[in-house]
Amino acid sequence: LNSRTHKPFLRCEMKMALCLSFILGFTGCIRALLFLTPIQETFAITISLFIIVLTSIVIGVFLPLGMKKCHIDPAHSSTTIQVLMDILGVALTVHISGAVLASALNQFGTKTSD
C-alpha cells in the first residue's frame, strides 16, 4: 500500500465487511428461524453475528496497518486478532443479547431483576 492506494483499499475492505456481515447475519437469521428459535433470540443472534463479523473485519484491516505504522511486524496481527475476537465475540454477544432480550421482556410487561 502507498498513499495513492490507501483510501481505495480501505473503501473496498469496508464494503466487503458490510457485505459479509449482511450475508452471515442473514444466514444466521435463517438458520435460527429454521430451528424455531424464538423471534427475540433470533434477532439477538442476527445482530450479534452481524456486529461480530463487521468488527473482526475492521480490526483485521486496521490492526496490521497500525502495527506497521508503529514499526511492529504486521504478521503478528493474525494471532492478536484471533484472541481479540474470541474475547470481543463473547462480550458483544452477551451485551447485545442482554439488551435485546431485556427490551423484549420489558415490552411484554415483565420486570427484569436489576
Protein backbone atom coordinates (compact mmCIF):
# COMPACT_ATOMS: atom_id res chain seq x y z
CA LEU A 1 0.00 0.00 0.00
CA ASN A 2 1.07 3.52 -0.71
CA SER A 3 -0.54 6.92 -0.25
CA ARG A 4 -2.33 6.61 -3.61
CA THR A 5 -3.85 3.16 -2.96
CA HIS A 6 -4.52 3.53 0.77
CA LYS A 7 -8.02 5.08 0.56
CA PRO A 8 -9.33 2.82 -2.25
CA PHE A 9 -8.06 -0.22 -0.31
CA LEU A 10 -9.85 0.84 2.89
CA ARG A 11 -13.04 1.69 0.98
CA CYS A 12 -13.03 -1.73 -0.68
CA GLU A 13 -12.40 -3.51 2.62
CA MET A 14 -15.24 -1.66 4.35
CA LYS A 15 -17.63 -2.56 1.53
CA MET A 16 -16.52 -6.17 1.87
CA ALA A 17 -17.03 -6.02 5.64
CA LEU A 18 -20.60 -4.80 5.21
CA CYS A 19 -21.38 -7.39 2.52
CA LEU A 20 -20.00 -10.29 4.57
CA SER A 21 -21.76 -9.04 7.70
CA PHE A 22 -25.10 -8.88 5.90
CA ILE A 23 -24.63 -12.30 4.29
CA LEU A 24 -23.59 -14.04 7.51
CA GLY A 25 -26.19 -12.18 9.59
CA PHE A 26 -28.92 -13.18 7.14
CA THR A 27 -27.67 -16.78 7.09
CA GLY A 28 -27.63 -16.90 10.89
CA CYS A 29 -31.16 -15.48 10.96
CA ILE A 30 -32.45 -18.10 8.52
CA ARG A 31 -30.76 -20.89 10.49
CA ALA A 32 -32.25 -19.68 13.77
CA LEU A 33 -35.70 -19.44 12.19
CA LEU A 34 -35.40 -22.94 10.71
CA PHE A 35 -34.61 -24.29 14.18
CA LEU A 36 -37.73 -22.50 15.51
CA THR A 37 -35.76 -20.20 17.79
CA PRO A 38 -37.98 -17.56 19.44
CA ILE A 39 -38.03 -14.32 17.46
CA GLN A 40 -36.35 -12.21 20.17
CA GLU A 41 -33.48 -14.68 20.39
CA THR A 42 -33.25 -14.85 16.60
CA PHE A 43 -32.98 -11.07 16.48
CA ALA A 44 -30.26 -11.08 19.17
CA ILE A 45 -28.31 -13.78 17.32
CA THR A 46 -28.60 -11.95 13.99
CA ILE A 47 -27.48 -8.59 15.39
CA SER A 48 -24.63 -10.20 17.33
CA LEU A 49 -23.40 -12.11 14.30
CA PHE A 50 -23.56 -9.01 12.10
CA ILE A 51 -21.58 -6.88 14.57
CA ILE A 52 -19.01 -9.62 15.32
CA VAL A 53 -18.24 -10.14 11.62
CA LEU A 54 -18.08 -6.40 10.96
CA THR A 55 -15.82 -5.83 13.97
CA SER A 56 -13.47 -8.68 13.06
CA ILE A 57 -13.00 -7.41 9.51
CA VAL A 58 -12.43 -3.83 10.64
CA ILE A 59 -9.87 -4.98 13.21
CA GLY A 60 -8.35 -7.31 10.62
CA VAL A 61 -7.83 -4.36 8.28
CA PHE A 62 -6.63 -1.72 10.71
CA LEU A 63 -4.51 -3.74 13.14
CA PRO A 64 -1.81 -4.74 10.62
CA LEU A 65 -1.72 -1.18 9.27
CA GLY A 66 -1.38 0.21 12.79
CA MET A 67 1.32 -2.29 13.67
CA LYS A 68 3.26 -1.39 10.55
CA LYS A 69 2.98 2.30 11.42
CA CYS A 70 4.41 1.50 14.89
CA HIS A 71 7.27 -0.45 13.27
CA ILE A 72 5.97 -3.80 14.51
CA ASP A 73 5.87 -6.76 12.14
CA PRO A 74 2.25 -6.90 10.83
CA ALA A 75 2.49 -10.70 10.73
CA HIS A 76 1.92 -10.68 14.50
CA SER A 77 -1.55 -9.26 13.96
CA SER A 78 -3.10 -12.61 12.97
CA THR A 79 -2.80 -14.17 16.43
CA THR A 80 -3.70 -10.88 18.08
CA ILE A 81 -6.89 -10.67 16.03
CA GLN A 82 -7.84 -14.24 17.00
CA VAL A 83 -7.51 -13.53 20.71
CA LEU A 84 -9.26 -10.15 20.46
CA MET A 85 -12.18 -11.61 18.52
CA ASP A 86 -12.58 -14.53 20.92
CA ILE A 87 -12.94 -12.07 23.79
CA LEU A 88 -14.93 -9.45 21.86
CA GLY A 89 -17.23 -12.06 20.30
CA VAL A 90 -18.33 -13.35 23.68
CA ALA A 91 -18.61 -9.85 25.16
CA LEU A 92 -20.59 -8.49 22.20
CA THR A 93 -22.95 -11.48 22.20
CA VAL A 94 -23.61 -11.19 25.93
CA HIS A 95 -24.22 -7.43 25.81
CA ILE A 96 -26.32 -7.43 22.65
CA SER A 97 -28.39 -10.43 23.75
CA GLY A 98 -28.86 -8.92 27.18
CA ALA A 99 -30.06 -5.63 25.70
CA VAL A 100 -32.35 -7.22 23.11
CA LEU A 101 -33.85 -9.78 25.47
CA ALA A 102 -34.26 -7.28 28.32
CA SER A 103 -36.02 -4.97 25.87
CA ALA A 104 -38.29 -7.83 24.80
CA LEU A 105 -39.11 -8.65 28.44
CA ASN A 106 -39.94 -5.01 29.19
CA GLN A 107 -42.12 -4.84 26.09
CA PHE A 108 -44.29 -7.65 27.46
CA GLY A 109 -44.56 -6.04 30.88
CA THR A 110 -42.23 -8.45 32.64
CA LYS A 111 -39.90 -6.81 35.13
CA THR A 112 -36.23 -7.73 34.96
CA SER A 113 -34.15 -8.06 38.09
CA ASP A 114 -31.63 -5.25 38.44
